[in-house]
Protein backbone atom coordinates (compact mmCIF):
# COMPACT_ATOMS: atom_id res chain seq x y z
CA MET A 1 -29.79 64.07 -21.50
CA LYS A 2 -29.77 60.38 -22.07
CA ILE A 3 -27.29 60.52 -25.00
CA PRO A 4 -24.38 62.14 -23.03
CA ARG A 5 -24.92 59.63 -20.24
CA LEU A 6 -24.78 56.83 -22.81
CA PHE A 7 -21.51 58.21 -24.20
CA LYS A 8 -20.06 58.31 -20.68
CA ILE A 9 -20.95 54.65 -20.18
CA LEU A 10 -19.46 53.69 -23.55
CA ASN A 11 -16.27 55.63 -22.77
CA LEU A 12 -16.01 53.88 -19.40
CA ILE A 13 -16.45 50.47 -21.02
CA ALA A 14 -13.80 51.33 -23.61
CA LEU A 15 -11.37 52.43 -20.89
CA LEU A 16 -11.96 49.24 -18.93
CA PHE A 17 -11.42 47.20 -22.11
CA ILE A 18 -8.14 48.97 -22.81
CA LEU A 19 -6.93 48.47 -19.23
CA THR A 20 -8.00 44.83 -19.26
CA PHE A 21 -6.32 44.24 -22.63
CA SER A 22 -3.16 45.95 -21.37
CA ALA A 23 -3.09 43.85 -18.22
CA PHE A 24 -3.82 40.74 -20.25
CA ALA A 25 -1.00 41.58 -22.65
CA GLN A 26 1.40 42.01 -19.73
CA ASN A 27 0.42 38.66 -18.25
CA ASN A 28 0.86 37.02 -21.65
CA PHE A 29 4.27 38.46 -22.41
CA PHE A 30 5.74 35.02 -23.26
CA LYS A 31 4.03 33.23 -26.12
CA PRO A 32 5.08 29.86 -27.56
CA ASP A 33 6.89 30.14 -30.88
CA ALA A 34 8.41 26.94 -32.22
CA GLN A 35 11.01 28.64 -34.42
CA ARG A 36 12.04 31.18 -31.82
CA ASP A 37 12.19 28.51 -29.10
CA SER A 38 14.40 26.29 -31.28
CA VAL A 39 16.84 29.14 -31.82
CA TRP A 40 16.81 29.93 -28.10
CA VAL A 41 17.61 26.31 -27.19
CA SER A 42 20.43 26.20 -29.76
CA ARG A 43 22.01 29.35 -28.39
CA SER A 44 21.64 28.09 -24.82
CA LEU A 45 23.38 24.82 -25.72
CA ILE A 46 26.28 26.69 -27.31
CA ASN A 47 26.65 28.95 -24.28
CA ILE A 48 26.49 26.22 -21.64
CA ASN A 49 28.91 23.94 -23.54
CA GLN A 50 31.31 26.87 -23.93
CA GLN A 51 31.15 27.40 -20.17
CA GLU A 52 32.03 23.73 -19.64
CA ILE A 53 35.08 24.09 -21.91
CA THR A 54 36.37 27.28 -20.27
CA ASN A 55 35.82 25.99 -16.74
CA LYS A 56 39.23 25.70 -15.03
CA ASP A 57 38.01 23.75 -11.98
CA THR A 58 39.23 20.21 -12.71
CA ASN A 59 37.28 18.81 -9.75
CA ARG A 60 34.02 19.82 -11.35
CA VAL A 61 32.16 17.20 -13.37
CA THR A 62 31.70 18.46 -16.92
CA HIS A 63 28.91 17.50 -19.30
CA LYS A 64 28.17 17.76 -22.97
CA TRP A 65 24.73 19.32 -23.24
CA VAL A 66 22.90 17.79 -26.19
CA GLY A 67 19.27 18.91 -26.17
CA GLY A 68 16.65 21.12 -24.66
CA LYS A 69 13.07 22.39 -24.73
CA VAL A 70 11.03 25.41 -23.67
CA LEU A 71 7.86 25.24 -21.57
CA TYR A 72 5.43 28.06 -20.81
CA CYS A 73 3.15 28.91 -17.97
CA ALA A 74 -0.42 29.04 -19.24
CA ASP A 75 -0.88 32.76 -18.43
CA GLY A 76 2.27 33.71 -20.34
CA SER A 77 4.03 35.25 -17.35
CA LEU A 78 6.87 32.71 -17.21
CA LYS A 79 8.80 30.33 -19.41
CA ALA A 80 11.41 27.73 -18.57
CA THR A 81 14.25 26.46 -20.75
CA GLN A 82 15.49 23.04 -19.68
CA LEU A 83 18.68 21.64 -21.18
CA ILE A 84 19.73 18.01 -20.87
CA ALA A 85 23.17 16.39 -20.76
CA ALA A 86 22.28 12.91 -19.48
CA PRO A 87 19.09 11.03 -18.50
CA ASP A 88 18.94 12.72 -15.06
CA THR A 89 21.12 15.79 -15.59
CA PHE A 90 19.41 19.06 -16.44
CA SER A 91 20.06 22.77 -16.39
CA THR A 92 16.97 24.95 -16.06
CA THR A 93 16.75 28.66 -16.77
CA ILE A 94 13.55 30.54 -15.96
CA GLN A 95 12.46 33.86 -17.41
CA TYR A 96 9.51 35.75 -15.97
CA PHE A 97 7.95 39.15 -16.35
CA TYR A 98 7.86 41.10 -13.07
CA GLN A 99 7.23 44.80 -12.46
CA GLY A 100 7.81 45.68 -16.09
CA LYS A 101 11.06 43.75 -16.40
CA ILE A 102 12.14 40.38 -17.75
CA ILE A 103 14.06 38.60 -15.00
CA GLN A 104 16.17 35.52 -15.68
CA GLN A 105 17.24 32.89 -13.10
CA ARG A 106 19.19 29.68 -13.48
CA PHE A 107 18.24 26.78 -11.20
CA ASN A 108 20.87 24.10 -10.73
CA TYR A 109 20.29 23.37 -7.07
CA THR A 110 16.70 22.15 -6.90
CA ASP A 111 14.83 19.22 -8.43
CA LEU A 112 14.69 21.30 -11.61
CA SER A 113 18.20 19.96 -12.25
CA ASN A 114 17.28 16.31 -11.65
CA TYR A 115 13.84 15.77 -13.18
CA THR A 116 12.03 16.51 -16.43
CA ILE A 117 9.58 19.44 -16.34
CA ASN A 118 6.09 18.41 -17.48
CA LYS A 119 3.83 21.36 -16.64
CA ILE A 120 4.00 24.87 -15.16
CA TYR A 121 1.06 26.61 -13.42
CA ARG A 122 0.56 30.10 -11.95
CA LEU A 123 -0.71 29.82 -8.38
CA PRO A 124 -3.42 32.08 -6.86
CA ASP A 125 -1.04 34.05 -4.69
CA LYS A 126 -0.70 37.78 -4.01
CA LYS A 127 2.96 37.48 -4.91
CA PRO A 128 4.01 35.66 -8.09
CA ALA A 129 4.12 31.92 -7.33
CA TYR A 130 4.43 28.94 -9.64
CA LEU A 131 3.88 25.21 -9.44
CA PHE A 132 6.20 22.95 -11.45
CA LEU A 133 5.24 19.32 -12.07
CA LEU A 134 8.19 17.09 -12.92
CA SER A 135 8.79 13.39 -13.47
CA LYS A 136 11.39 10.69 -14.04
CA THR A 137 11.03 7.13 -15.27
CA GLU A 138 12.97 3.95 -14.58
CA ASN A 139 12.51 1.61 -17.50
CA GLU A 140 12.40 -2.16 -17.71
CA PRO A 141 15.86 -3.75 -18.25
CA ASP A 142 15.02 -4.98 -21.75
CA TYR A 143 13.75 -1.56 -22.89
CA GLU A 144 16.00 0.11 -25.45
CA GLN A 145 15.83 3.64 -24.14
CA ASP A 146 16.32 6.73 -26.28
CA TRP A 147 16.50 9.10 -23.33
CA LEU A 148 16.84 12.24 -25.47
CA ALA A 149 13.70 11.38 -27.43
CA ASP A 150 11.89 10.56 -24.18
CA PHE A 151 12.91 13.94 -22.78
CA ASN A 152 11.73 15.87 -25.83
CA LYS A 153 8.25 14.31 -25.77
CA ALA A 154 7.75 14.40 -21.99
CA THR A 155 5.59 17.53 -21.89
CA ASN A 156 3.04 15.35 -20.09
CA PRO A 157 3.51 12.41 -17.72
CA PRO A 158 3.61 8.99 -19.43
CA ASN A 159 0.23 7.66 -20.48
CA ASP A 160 -1.25 4.18 -20.50
CA THR A 161 0.15 3.35 -23.92
CA ASN A 162 3.81 3.55 -22.91
CA LEU A 163 3.63 2.44 -19.27
CA LYS A 164 4.40 -1.10 -20.46
CA ASP A 165 8.10 -0.19 -20.70
CA ILE A 166 8.25 1.64 -17.36
CA LYS A 167 9.20 -0.05 -14.09
CA LYS A 168 9.06 2.94 -11.75
CA LEU A 169 7.69 6.44 -12.14
CA THR A 170 8.72 9.38 -9.96
CA TYR A 171 6.57 12.52 -9.65
CA ILE A 172 7.69 15.85 -8.19
CA ALA A 173 5.74 18.98 -7.23
CA LEU A 174 7.93 22.04 -6.73
CA VAL A 175 6.75 25.54 -5.76
CA LEU A 176 8.67 28.75 -6.53
CA ARG A 177 7.45 31.96 -4.92
CA MET A 178 8.62 35.56 -5.27
CA GLN A 179 10.72 36.61 -2.29
CA LYS A 180 12.06 40.18 -2.54
CA ASP A 181 13.38 40.30 -6.11
CA SER A 182 13.72 36.61 -7.09
CA LEU A 183 11.88 33.30 -7.20
CA LEU A 184 12.79 30.94 -4.35
CA GLU A 185 11.66 27.39 -3.61
CA VAL A 186 9.27 27.08 -0.67
CA ALA A 187 8.63 24.05 1.52
CA PHE A 188 6.05 21.56 0.30
CA PRO A 189 4.08 20.70 2.30
CA PRO A 190 4.87 23.60 4.64
CA SER A 191 6.28 22.87 8.07
CA THR A 192 4.80 26.17 9.20
CA THR A 193 2.23 28.48 7.65
CA ASP A 194 1.26 32.09 7.82
CA ASP A 195 -1.13 33.22 10.53
CA ASN A 196 -4.11 31.39 9.13
CA ASP A 197 -6.18 29.09 11.33
CA THR A 198 -7.54 27.08 8.44
CA ALA A 199 -4.14 26.52 6.88
CA THR A 200 -2.64 25.58 10.24
CA ALA A 201 -5.36 22.97 10.83
CA TYR A 202 -4.71 21.41 7.45
CA THR A 203 -0.96 21.47 7.98
CA ASP A 204 -1.43 19.23 11.01
CA ARG A 205 -2.94 16.65 8.68
CA ALA A 206 -0.20 17.18 6.12
CA ASP A 207 2.38 16.18 8.70
CA SER A 208 0.84 12.68 8.83
CA VAL A 209 0.87 11.93 5.11
CA SER A 210 3.20 9.00 4.45
CA THR A 211 4.09 10.09 0.93
CA THR A 212 6.97 12.18 2.14
CA THR A 213 8.98 15.12 0.94
CA LEU A 214 12.13 14.07 -0.88
CA ALA A 215 15.40 14.18 1.02
CA ASP A 216 17.48 17.40 0.87
CA THR A 217 14.83 19.34 -1.05
CA ASN A 218 11.64 21.20 -0.29
CA SER A 219 9.72 19.39 -3.01
CA PHE A 220 6.85 16.98 -2.58
CA GLY A 221 7.36 13.74 -4.45
CA PHE A 222 6.99 9.99 -4.59
CA THR A 223 8.18 7.04 -6.65
CA SER A 224 5.48 4.65 -7.82
CA TYR A 225 5.88 1.03 -8.83
CA ILE A 226 4.34 -0.06 -12.14
CA LYS A 227 3.12 -3.63 -11.89
CA HIS A 228 2.63 -5.37 -15.22
CA THR A 229 0.99 -8.55 -13.92
CA GLY A 230 -2.47 -8.89 -12.40
CA LYS A 231 -4.44 -5.81 -11.43
CA SER A 232 -2.61 -2.51 -11.30
CA LEU A 233 -3.22 1.22 -11.07
CA LYS A 234 -1.72 4.16 -12.90
CA PRO A 235 -0.08 6.66 -10.50
CA PHE A 236 -0.61 10.35 -11.12
CA LEU A 237 0.13 13.87 -9.89
CA LYS A 238 -2.11 16.52 -11.43
CA TYR A 239 -3.19 20.06 -10.73
CA ASP A 240 -6.62 21.61 -11.35
CA ALA A 241 -6.11 25.29 -12.16
CA LEU A 242 -9.80 26.06 -11.54
CA THR A 243 -10.05 24.63 -8.02
CA TYR A 244 -6.36 25.08 -7.06
CA LYS A 245 -6.19 21.42 -6.04
CA LEU A 246 -3.20 19.15 -6.49
CA SER A 247 -4.26 15.50 -6.42
CA PHE A 248 -1.98 12.48 -6.32
CA LEU A 249 -2.09 8.70 -6.37
CA ASP A 250 1.02 6.85 -5.25
CA VAL A 251 1.35 3.12 -5.94
CA SER A 252 4.08 1.22 -4.12
CA CYS A 253 5.19 -2.31 -3.41
CA LYS A 254 6.05 -2.86 0.24
CA HIS A 255 8.62 -5.54 -0.47
CA GLU A 256 10.65 -5.84 -3.64
CA GLU A 257 13.14 -8.50 -4.60
CA ASP A 258 16.80 -7.66 -5.19
CA ASN A 259 16.08 -7.26 -8.91
CA GLY A 260 13.34 -4.74 -8.14
CA ASP A 261 10.44 -7.05 -8.98
CA CYS A 262 7.36 -7.03 -6.76
CA THR A 263 6.22 -10.45 -5.57
CA GLN A 264 3.49 -9.17 -3.28
CA PRO A 265 -0.10 -9.99 -4.37
CA VAL A 266 -1.31 -6.44 -3.76
CA LEU A 267 0.02 -2.90 -4.11
CA SER A 268 -0.08 -0.22 -1.42
CA VAL A 269 -1.95 2.85 -2.60
CA GLU A 270 -2.03 6.32 -1.10
CA SER A 271 -4.16 9.03 -2.64
CA GLY A 272 -4.98 12.52 -1.52
CA VAL A 273 -5.58 16.15 -2.42
CA TYR A 274 -3.55 19.23 -1.55
CA GLN A 275 -5.43 22.54 -1.58
CA TYR A 276 -3.60 25.80 -2.21
CA ARG A 277 -4.60 28.24 0.55
CA ASP A 278 -3.18 31.74 0.86
CA THR A 279 0.54 31.08 0.37
CA SER A 280 0.98 27.29 0.46
CA PHE A 281 -0.41 23.86 -0.30
CA VAL A 282 -2.00 22.03 2.63
CA LEU A 283 -3.36 18.50 2.77
CA ALA A 284 -7.15 18.38 2.46
CA THR A 285 -7.76 14.62 2.14
CA ASP A 286 -5.61 11.54 2.38
CA THR A 287 -6.40 7.82 2.29
CA THR A 288 -4.45 4.57 2.04
CA TYR A 289 -5.61 1.16 0.86
CA TYR A 290 -4.51 -2.00 -0.95
CA TYR A 291 -5.18 -2.67 -4.61
CA PRO A 292 -6.70 -4.99 -5.32
CA SER A 293 -8.27 -5.44 -1.91
CA LEU A 294 -7.43 -8.66 -0.10
CA ALA A 295 -11.07 -9.73 -0.37
CA GLU A 296 -10.84 -9.54 -4.17
CA LEU A 297 -8.04 -12.12 -4.11
CA ASP A 298 -10.18 -14.79 -2.43
CA THR A 299 -10.57 -17.79 -4.74
CA THR A 300 -12.83 -20.78 -4.19
CA VAL A 301 -10.62 -23.76 -5.02
CA GLU A 302 -12.91 -26.61 -4.00
CA HIS A 303 -16.46 -27.23 -2.83
CA ARG A 304 -18.33 -30.41 -1.99
CA ASN A 305 -21.46 -31.55 -0.18
CA TYR A 306 -21.54 -34.32 2.45
CA LYS A 307 -24.60 -36.19 3.71
CA ALA A 308 -24.88 -37.06 7.41
CA ARG A 309 -28.38 -38.53 7.80
CA LYS A 310 -30.72 -35.56 7.92
CA TYR A 311 -27.84 -33.07 7.63
CA VAL A 312 -26.29 -31.76 4.44
CA ILE A 313 -22.83 -30.33 5.09
CA ARG A 314 -21.91 -27.84 2.36
CA ALA A 315 -18.12 -27.55 2.44
CA LYS A 316 -16.02 -24.97 0.61
CA ALA A 317 -12.29 -24.16 0.52
CA VAL A 318 -11.17 -20.58 -0.20
CA GLU A 319 -7.57 -19.53 -0.77
CA GLY A 320 -6.63 -15.94 -0.07
CA TYR A 321 -4.07 -13.66 1.58
CA GLU A 322 -3.56 -11.82 4.86
CA GLU A 323 -1.10 -9.16 5.95
CA GLY A 324 1.39 -10.36 8.53
CA TYR A 325 4.38 -9.13 10.46
CA GLY A 326 6.48 -6.55 8.67
CA GLY A 327 3.85 -5.89 6.04
CA TYR A 328 4.41 -9.20 4.25
CA PHE A 329 1.44 -11.06 2.81
CA TYR A 330 0.88 -14.76 3.44
CA SER A 331 -1.35 -17.32 1.80
CA THR A 332 -4.42 -18.44 3.73
CA LEU A 333 -6.84 -21.32 3.43
CA THR A 334 -10.32 -21.00 4.91
CA LYS A 335 -12.67 -23.95 5.00
CA THR A 336 -16.34 -23.24 5.62
CA TYR A 337 -18.97 -25.78 6.59
CA LYS A 338 -22.58 -24.71 6.25
CA ILE A 339 -25.03 -26.93 8.12
CA GLY A 340 -28.61 -25.66 7.99
CA MET A 341 -28.48 -22.09 9.28
CA GLN A 342 -25.03 -22.53 10.84
CA THR A 343 -21.65 -21.79 9.23
CA LEU A 344 -18.47 -23.00 10.90
CA THR A 345 -14.93 -22.30 9.69
CA SER A 346 -11.37 -23.55 10.02
CA PHE A 347 -8.36 -21.43 9.11
CA ASN A 348 -4.79 -22.12 7.96
CA ASN A 349 -1.97 -19.65 7.27
CA GLU A 350 0.78 -22.15 8.04
CA GLY A 351 0.94 -23.77 4.63
CA TRP A 352 -0.56 -26.89 3.06
CA GLU A 353 0.26 -29.43 0.38
CA LYS A 354 -3.24 -30.63 -0.41
CA ILE A 355 -6.76 -29.71 0.62
CA ASP A 356 -8.90 -32.23 2.48
CA LEU A 357 -12.43 -30.90 2.76
CA LYS A 358 -13.99 -33.97 4.35
CA PRO A 359 -15.26 -32.96 7.82
CA ASP A 360 -14.46 -35.01 10.92
CA TYR A 361 -17.89 -35.56 12.50
CA ARG A 362 -19.96 -38.06 14.51
CA LEU A 363 -23.72 -38.36 14.87
CA GLN A 364 -25.11 -38.53 18.41
CA LYS A 365 -28.05 -40.47 19.84
CA ASN A 366 -30.27 -37.38 19.97
CA ALA A 367 -29.60 -36.78 16.24
CA SER A 368 -27.23 -33.86 16.86
CA LEU A 369 -23.80 -33.62 15.29
CA ILE A 370 -20.31 -33.37 16.81
CA LEU A 371 -17.90 -31.70 14.40
CA LEU A 372 -14.13 -31.38 14.94
CA LEU A 373 -12.41 -28.42 13.24
CA GLU A 374 -8.79 -27.21 13.43
CA ASP A 375 -6.98 -23.90 12.98
CA GLU A 376 -3.31 -24.06 11.94
CA THR A 377 -1.71 -20.65 12.36
CA ASN A 378 1.68 -18.97 12.42
CA GLY A 379 2.55 -15.40 13.43
CA HIS A 380 5.34 -15.29 10.81
CA GLY A 381 7.25 -12.99 13.16
CA PRO A 382 10.93 -12.84 14.15
CA GLY A 383 12.52 -15.39 16.46
CA MET A 384 11.54 -18.93 17.33
CA CYS A 385 8.30 -17.98 19.06
CA GLY A 386 7.42 -15.28 16.57
CA SER A 387 7.37 -17.91 13.84
CA ALA A 388 5.93 -20.69 16.01
CA SER A 389 3.21 -22.99 14.76
CA HIS A 390 -0.10 -23.17 16.62
CA LEU A 391 -2.76 -25.86 16.40
CA ASP A 392 -6.16 -25.08 17.92
CA SER A 393 -8.85 -27.75 17.70
CA TYR A 394 -12.55 -27.27 18.47
CA PHE A 395 -15.40 -29.70 19.04
CA TRP A 396 -18.69 -28.16 17.92
CA LEU A 397 -22.17 -29.34 18.84
CA VAL A 398 -24.54 -28.68 15.93
CA ASP A 399 -28.24 -29.43 15.53
CA GLY A 400 -28.93 -27.49 12.33
CA LYS A 401 -30.54 -24.55 14.15
CA SER A 402 -27.74 -23.69 16.56
CA SER A 403 -24.07 -24.45 17.19
CA LYS A 404 -21.91 -24.34 20.31
CA LYS A 405 -18.21 -24.86 20.99
CA ILE A 406 -18.03 -27.47 23.76
CA PHE A 407 -14.35 -28.49 23.98
CA THR A 408 -11.04 -26.94 22.86
CA PHE A 409 -7.47 -28.21 22.94
CA SER A 410 -4.36 -26.37 21.76
CA SER A 411 -0.65 -26.91 21.22
CA GLY A 412 2.26 -24.89 19.84
CA SER A 413 5.85 -25.37 18.76
CA CYS A 414 7.04 -22.68 21.18
CA ASN A 415 5.65 -24.31 24.35
CA SER A 416 5.65 -27.87 25.66
CA ASP A 417 2.21 -28.03 27.23
CA ILE A 418 -0.97 -29.10 25.47
CA SER A 419 -3.90 -27.33 27.09
CA TYR A 420 -7.64 -27.81 27.03
CA SER A 421 -10.76 -25.95 28.10
CA PHE A 422 -14.48 -26.70 28.43
CA THR A 423 -17.49 -25.66 30.48
CA ARG A 424 -18.76 -27.53 33.54
CA ASN A 425 -21.89 -26.31 35.34
CA GLY A 426 -21.52 -22.93 33.69
CA LYS A 427 -17.87 -22.47 34.71
CA GLU A 428 -14.84 -22.48 32.44
CA ILE A 429 -12.48 -25.36 33.19
CA GLU A 430 -8.88 -25.10 31.96
CA GLY A 431 -6.02 -27.58 32.29
CA GLN A 432 -3.08 -29.36 30.65
CA PHE A 433 -2.66 -32.93 29.54
CA TYR A 434 0.15 -34.92 31.21
CA ILE A 435 1.77 -38.35 31.57
CA THR A 436 2.55 -38.72 35.29
CA ASP A 437 2.56 -35.21 36.75
CA PRO A 438 0.45 -32.25 35.51
CA ALA A 439 3.33 -29.92 36.44
CA ASP A 440 5.82 -31.84 34.26
CA LYS A 441 5.48 -30.39 30.74
CA ASN A 442 8.66 -31.82 29.27
CA TYR A 443 9.29 -34.74 26.94
CA PHE A 444 5.67 -35.59 26.14
CA GLU A 445 3.67 -35.06 23.00
CA LEU A 446 0.37 -35.97 21.39
CA ASP A 447 1.15 -39.38 19.94
CA ASN A 448 -2.24 -40.14 18.43
CA CYS A 449 -5.91 -39.28 18.64
CA TYR A 450 -8.98 -41.04 17.26
CA TRP A 451 -12.68 -41.71 17.75
CA GLY A 452 -13.18 -44.66 20.11
CA ASN A 453 -16.86 -44.62 19.21
CA ASN A 454 -19.42 -42.01 18.17
CA SER A 455 -19.47 -40.45 21.65
CA THR A 456 -15.83 -40.92 22.76
CA TYR A 457 -12.69 -39.25 21.48
CA VAL A 458 -9.32 -40.67 22.62
CA PHE A 459 -6.09 -38.71 23.12
CA VAL A 460 -2.85 -40.70 23.36
CA PHE A 461 0.17 -38.92 24.85
CA SER A 462 3.70 -40.32 24.95
CA ASP A 463 6.84 -39.49 26.93
CA SER A 464 9.99 -39.86 24.83
CA LYS A 465 12.16 -40.04 27.99
CA THR A 466 10.31 -42.68 30.02
CA LEU A 467 8.56 -44.35 27.06
CA LEU A 468 5.32 -44.07 29.02
CA LEU A 469 1.96 -43.40 27.43
CA ARG A 470 -1.31 -42.17 28.83
CA ASN A 471 -4.78 -42.00 27.33
CA PHE A 472 -7.37 -39.34 27.96
CA TYR A 473 -11.00 -40.03 27.08
CA LEU A 474 -13.38 -37.28 26.06
CA HIS A 475 -16.95 -38.48 26.48
CA PHE A 476 -19.89 -36.64 24.91
CA ASN A 477 -23.31 -36.66 26.51
CA VAL A 478 -25.14 -34.03 24.47
CA SER A 479 -28.47 -34.66 26.20
CA ASP A 480 -26.95 -33.03 29.31
CA LYS A 481 -27.03 -29.37 28.25
CA LYS A 482 -25.09 -28.14 31.30
CA ASN A 483 -22.31 -30.73 31.03
CA PRO A 484 -22.18 -32.08 27.46
CA VAL A 485 -18.56 -33.30 27.84
CA ARG A 486 -16.60 -35.22 30.44
CA LEU A 487 -12.82 -35.76 30.41
CA LYS A 488 -11.29 -38.83 32.06
CA SER A 489 -7.65 -39.90 32.24
CA GLY A 490 -6.40 -43.46 31.94
CA LYS A 491 -3.43 -45.00 33.72
CA PRO A 492 0.12 -44.68 32.39
CA TYR A 493 1.39 -47.70 30.48
CA LYS A 494 4.59 -48.75 28.77
CA LYS A 495 4.99 -48.34 25.07
CA LYS A 496 5.26 -51.66 23.28
CA ASN A 497 8.54 -52.34 21.53
CA THR A 498 7.62 -52.93 17.89
CA THR A 499 11.20 -53.30 16.59
CA SER A 500 11.97 -56.76 15.19
CA LYS A 501 14.64 -58.94 16.78
């Protein structure tokens, strides 16, 4: 009784093996054959060149087709023959096995006619669907390009060894899906999806990805900049056939010179993953960042220690970059002063010729320290005020354990007033310096400022119209914690004529 049952099981296994082998053979109808492929390419070149000769339409641009190659889908269900006539001129013919027949289609209207095919993948779809990965390179001006040789070896995207000759690298992902009786290109990423809640949710995210679909096509693609100086990244577009994920990394330079060179200190990077779900790719993750990060570009250019009685002021100057208006990057200089447990800073993005780290400070009777720091900033925006210079100065009271800002004065190239602020009896006091009338903000400027003594700072303002000057005296009384500063104005006086007779 057991033997017949065993034979039944063995027969069933054999039948399943035969069916599996048959199905496998069908799916692997096309197999790479170097000799056969070479003959196929030669015949295709003869045919397409003959068509060019016999074409009577004089308005049509004719080409001499000079080379070609054959690529296969890994499961053997499809092969593509791509012929080349010029660096960016291709003719692609696809053959695929469908419902017991070999079907042939020529594609001269998609990105298959503009970019080199690198890889072909079968997608996990109920209907036959295929992913094509393509690329194109823009080489450095001094590179002696053999574009036909580059085409013949471009079965994979360029690797690290030959990126040195490449200036820009374009990647394309194109999806063909069976519709009725032929393969048609489908939108990537999809603008709409089938009735699938998960896919729809992911499509909402796909709409926000900044690496956009190329114009006039349904393909997904991007052009990456290859930077050959400083730190750089290698862009990529690759598909994982096990997880059905298409991952990408796009490297771009926000602002290029007329010659195409990138002068920006960092590159803009966007990376993400598309997941194939049901009938389309949808965006699963997406992130943008700078490479290298701005923090990595910080460089300590000078450091020095200063002794002020019991205080040691540890000063350091750091040059770096910040992103400004329009995505441009501007040089910055940050000075830090560490006094005991306190760290104070001054900032400059306006520009500088030399670095002076020496702090402007005065010791007070109670052994505390008054430190004057300045910020020189510019918005680097459009228009006179957008690119105006701003000078903000701060008097700090420091005792080694704590620090407090006790007086501020500010000026700018886009306004005529010079304002100040400080605290009196717990209330913020704000005002403007003046010569004769606080409401008159014209014609006067900060002529000079200096320490009268350790506890008095003197502002000298001048009026270019009336030649009048006026002094303001900032007195420090740090023992009075509620009112550590007091501002007094002097009387206007005439500017002495220093010109010789």
